């Protein structure tokens, strides 16, 4: 398994752990890609896509959890 594939799998595992909390508020998240400089790109879905607090949720919740579990990740950004 390549290093990139392994990194993607780790990110998806963390996102899957966070997903129930987002779903409880009517939202969801979809992994999109990882850039060359280890920035995770995600799409916020459902209520998360239109919520004014979604950037705070993304940075304080999702990004913090991903970076804690996978230190080589630099950031998490939304594509929408």
N, C-alpha and C. Protein backbone atom coordinates (compact mmCIF):
# COMPACT_ATOMS: atom_id res chain seq x y z
N UNK A 1 0.85 -1.18 0.00
CA UNK A 1 0.00 0.00 0.00
C UNK A 1 0.90 1.25 0.00
N UNK A 2 0.59 2.19 -0.86
CA UNK A 2 1.42 3.40 -0.96
C UNK A 2 1.20 4.29 0.27
N UNK A 3 2.16 5.17 0.50
CA UNK A 3 2.07 6.11 1.62
C UNK A 3 0.83 7.00 1.49
N UNK A 4 0.55 7.45 0.26
CA UNK A 4 -0.61 8.31 0.01
C UNK A 4 -1.91 7.56 0.30
N UNK A 5 -2.00 6.31 -0.15
CA UNK A 5 -3.19 5.49 0.08
C UNK A 5 -3.40 5.27 1.57
N UNK A 6 -2.32 5.02 2.29
CA UNK A 6 -2.39 4.81 3.72
C UNK A 6 -2.86 6.08 4.44
N UNK A 7 -2.37 7.22 3.99
CA UNK A 7 -2.77 8.51 4.57
C UNK A 7 -4.26 8.77 4.33
N UNK A 8 -4.72 8.49 3.11
CA UNK A 8 -6.14 8.66 2.78
C UNK A 8 -7.00 7.77 3.68
N UNK A 9 -6.57 6.53 3.87
CA UNK A 9 -7.32 5.60 4.71
C UNK A 9 -7.41 6.11 6.15
N UNK A 10 -6.29 6.64 6.67
CA UNK A 10 -6.30 7.19 8.03
C UNK A 10 -7.26 8.37 8.14
N UNK A 11 -7.24 9.27 7.14
CA UNK A 11 -8.12 10.44 7.15
C UNK A 11 -9.58 9.99 7.11
N UNK A 12 -9.89 9.04 6.24
CA UNK A 12 -11.27 8.56 6.14
C UNK A 12 -11.73 7.92 7.45
N UNK A 13 -10.82 7.23 8.15
CA UNK A 13 -11.17 6.63 9.45
C UNK A 13 -11.54 7.71 10.46
N UNK A 14 -10.76 8.79 10.51
CA UNK A 14 -11.04 9.88 11.45
C UNK A 14 -12.38 10.54 11.08
N UNK A 15 -12.58 10.80 9.80
CA UNK A 15 -13.84 11.41 9.34
C UNK A 15 -15.04 10.53 9.71
N UNK A 16 -14.87 9.22 9.57
CA UNK A 16 -15.96 8.30 9.93
C UNK A 16 -16.28 8.35 11.43
N UNK A 17 -15.27 8.66 12.26
CA UNK A 17 -15.50 8.78 13.70
C UNK A 17 -16.24 10.08 14.03
N UNK A 18 -16.01 11.12 13.24
CA UNK A 18 -16.63 12.43 13.46
C UNK A 18 -18.05 12.48 12.89
N UNK A 19 -18.29 11.75 11.83
CA UNK A 19 -19.54 11.81 11.08
C UNK A 19 -20.81 11.73 11.95
N UNK A 20 -20.91 10.83 12.94
CA UNK A 20 -22.15 10.76 13.73
C UNK A 20 -22.50 12.08 14.42
N UNK A 21 -21.50 12.85 14.83
CA UNK A 21 -21.76 14.14 15.48
C UNK A 21 -22.35 15.14 14.48
N UNK A 22 -21.86 15.11 13.25
CA UNK A 22 -22.39 16.01 12.22
C UNK A 22 -23.79 15.57 11.81
N UNK A 23 -23.99 14.26 11.69
CA UNK A 23 -25.30 13.74 11.31
C UNK A 23 -26.36 14.07 12.37
N UNK A 24 -25.96 14.13 13.63
CA UNK A 24 -26.90 14.45 14.70
C UNK A 24 -27.48 15.85 14.52
N UNK A 25 -26.75 16.72 13.85
CA UNK A 25 -27.22 18.09 13.59
C UNK A 25 -27.72 18.26 12.15
N UNK A 26 -27.94 17.15 11.45
CA UNK A 26 -28.48 17.21 10.09
C UNK A 26 -27.44 17.44 9.01
N UNK A 27 -26.18 17.30 9.34
CA UNK A 27 -25.12 17.52 8.36
C UNK A 27 -24.35 16.24 8.06
N UNK A 28 -23.33 16.40 7.24
CA UNK A 28 -22.46 15.29 6.90
C UNK A 28 -21.18 15.86 6.30
N UNK A 29 -20.23 14.99 6.05
CA UNK A 29 -18.95 15.39 5.48
C UNK A 29 -18.49 14.29 4.53
N UNK A 30 -17.87 14.70 3.42
CA UNK A 30 -17.35 13.74 2.43
C UNK A 30 -15.90 14.08 2.15
N UNK A 31 -15.03 13.08 2.29
CA UNK A 31 -13.62 13.25 1.94
C UNK A 31 -13.52 13.44 0.43
N UNK A 32 -12.70 14.40 0.00
CA UNK A 32 -12.50 14.63 -1.42
C UNK A 32 -11.09 14.22 -1.85
N UNK A 33 -10.08 14.84 -1.23
CA UNK A 33 -8.70 14.57 -1.65
C UNK A 33 -7.71 15.10 -0.63
N UNK A 34 -6.44 14.78 -0.86
CA UNK A 34 -5.35 15.34 -0.09
C UNK A 34 -4.40 15.99 -1.09
N UNK A 35 -4.06 17.25 -0.85
CA UNK A 35 -3.16 17.97 -1.75
C UNK A 35 -1.73 17.50 -1.54
N UNK A 36 -0.83 17.95 -2.42
CA UNK A 36 0.58 17.60 -2.32
C UNK A 36 1.20 18.06 -1.00
N UNK A 37 0.69 19.17 -0.44
CA UNK A 37 1.24 19.67 0.82
C UNK A 37 0.41 19.24 2.04
N UNK A 38 -0.27 18.09 1.90
CA UNK A 38 -1.01 17.44 2.99
C UNK A 38 -2.13 18.29 3.58
N UNK A 39 -2.88 18.95 2.71
CA UNK A 39 -4.11 19.62 3.12
C UNK A 39 -5.27 18.73 2.68
N UNK A 40 -6.12 18.39 3.63
CA UNK A 40 -7.27 17.53 3.35
C UNK A 40 -8.40 18.39 2.82
N UNK A 41 -8.97 18.01 1.69
CA UNK A 41 -10.10 18.71 1.09
C UNK A 41 -11.35 17.87 1.35
N UNK A 42 -12.38 18.51 1.93
CA UNK A 42 -13.63 17.82 2.24
C UNK A 42 -14.79 18.64 1.70
N UNK A 43 -15.92 17.98 1.56
CA UNK A 43 -17.15 18.67 1.18
C UNK A 43 -18.12 18.56 2.34
N UNK A 44 -18.64 19.69 2.77
CA UNK A 44 -19.64 19.71 3.83
C UNK A 44 -21.02 19.55 3.19
N UNK A 45 -21.81 18.62 3.73
CA UNK A 45 -23.09 18.26 3.12
C UNK A 45 -24.24 18.53 4.08
N UNK A 46 -25.45 18.53 3.55
CA UNK A 46 -26.64 18.71 4.37
C UNK A 46 -26.63 20.06 5.07
N UNK A 47 -27.01 20.06 6.33
CA UNK A 47 -27.06 21.30 7.10
C UNK A 47 -25.69 21.95 7.22
N UNK A 48 -24.63 21.15 7.19
CA UNK A 48 -23.27 21.70 7.31
C UNK A 48 -22.91 22.57 6.10
N UNK A 49 -23.48 22.28 4.96
CA UNK A 49 -23.18 23.04 3.75
C UNK A 49 -23.68 24.47 3.80
N UNK A 50 -24.74 24.72 4.56
CA UNK A 50 -25.33 26.06 4.60
C UNK A 50 -25.27 26.71 5.98
N UNK A 51 -24.73 26.02 6.95
CA UNK A 51 -24.69 26.54 8.32
C UNK A 51 -23.64 27.64 8.46
N UNK A 52 -24.02 28.78 9.06
CA UNK A 52 -23.03 29.85 9.26
C UNK A 52 -21.90 29.47 10.20
N UNK A 53 -22.09 28.43 10.99
CA UNK A 53 -21.06 27.98 11.93
C UNK A 53 -20.18 26.87 11.35
N UNK A 54 -20.41 26.52 10.09
CA UNK A 54 -19.70 25.38 9.52
C UNK A 54 -18.19 25.56 9.48
N UNK A 55 -17.70 26.79 9.25
CA UNK A 55 -16.25 27.01 9.23
C UNK A 55 -15.66 26.78 10.62
N UNK A 56 -16.38 27.17 11.66
CA UNK A 56 -15.90 26.93 13.01
C UNK A 56 -15.90 25.43 13.31
N UNK A 57 -16.95 24.74 12.90
CA UNK A 57 -17.02 23.29 13.08
C UNK A 57 -15.87 22.62 12.34
N UNK A 58 -15.62 23.09 11.12
CA UNK A 58 -14.56 22.51 10.30
C UNK A 58 -13.21 22.68 10.97
N UNK A 59 -12.89 23.89 11.41
CA UNK A 59 -11.58 24.17 11.99
C UNK A 59 -11.44 23.65 13.42
N UNK A 60 -12.42 23.92 14.27
CA UNK A 60 -12.31 23.55 15.68
C UNK A 60 -12.63 22.07 15.92
N UNK A 61 -13.43 21.49 15.06
CA UNK A 61 -13.82 20.09 15.25
C UNK A 61 -13.08 19.14 14.34
N UNK A 62 -13.38 19.23 13.06
CA UNK A 62 -12.84 18.29 12.09
C UNK A 62 -11.32 18.41 11.96
N UNK A 63 -10.84 19.63 11.70
CA UNK A 63 -9.39 19.80 11.50
C UNK A 63 -8.61 19.40 12.76
N UNK A 64 -9.10 19.79 13.90
CA UNK A 64 -8.40 19.46 15.15
C UNK A 64 -8.33 17.95 15.34
N UNK A 65 -9.41 17.25 15.10
CA UNK A 65 -9.43 15.79 15.25
C UNK A 65 -8.50 15.11 14.25
N UNK A 66 -8.53 15.57 13.00
CA UNK A 66 -7.68 14.97 11.96
C UNK A 66 -6.21 15.22 12.27
N UNK A 67 -5.85 16.44 12.62
CA UNK A 67 -4.45 16.77 12.89
C UNK A 67 -3.93 16.09 14.16
N UNK A 68 -4.81 15.89 15.13
CA UNK A 68 -4.40 15.18 16.35
C UNK A 68 -4.09 13.72 16.04
N UNK A 69 -4.92 13.09 15.21
CA UNK A 69 -4.74 11.68 14.86
C UNK A 69 -3.64 11.48 13.83
N UNK A 70 -3.46 12.47 12.95
CA UNK A 70 -2.50 12.35 11.84
C UNK A 70 -1.68 13.63 11.77
N UNK A 71 -0.60 13.73 12.54
CA UNK A 71 0.17 14.98 12.65
C UNK A 71 0.72 15.52 11.32
N UNK A 72 0.92 14.66 10.34
CA UNK A 72 1.48 15.14 9.07
C UNK A 72 0.48 15.96 8.24
N UNK A 73 -0.81 15.93 8.62
CA UNK A 73 -1.81 16.74 7.93
C UNK A 73 -1.63 18.20 8.37
N UNK A 74 -1.59 19.11 7.40
CA UNK A 74 -1.36 20.52 7.68
C UNK A 74 -2.64 21.29 7.98
N UNK A 75 -3.73 20.93 7.30
CA UNK A 75 -5.00 21.65 7.46
C UNK A 75 -6.12 20.83 6.85
N UNK A 76 -7.36 21.25 7.14
CA UNK A 76 -8.55 20.69 6.50
C UNK A 76 -9.32 21.86 5.93
N UNK A 77 -9.64 21.79 4.64
CA UNK A 77 -10.34 22.87 3.94
C UNK A 77 -11.60 22.31 3.28
N UNK A 78 -12.65 23.14 3.23
CA UNK A 78 -13.89 22.75 2.54
C UNK A 78 -13.83 23.20 1.10
N UNK A 79 -14.32 22.35 0.18
CA UNK A 79 -14.33 22.71 -1.24
C UNK A 79 -15.62 23.43 -1.62
N UNK A 80 -16.57 23.56 -0.68
CA UNK A 80 -17.83 24.23 -0.99
C UNK A 80 -18.05 25.43 -0.12
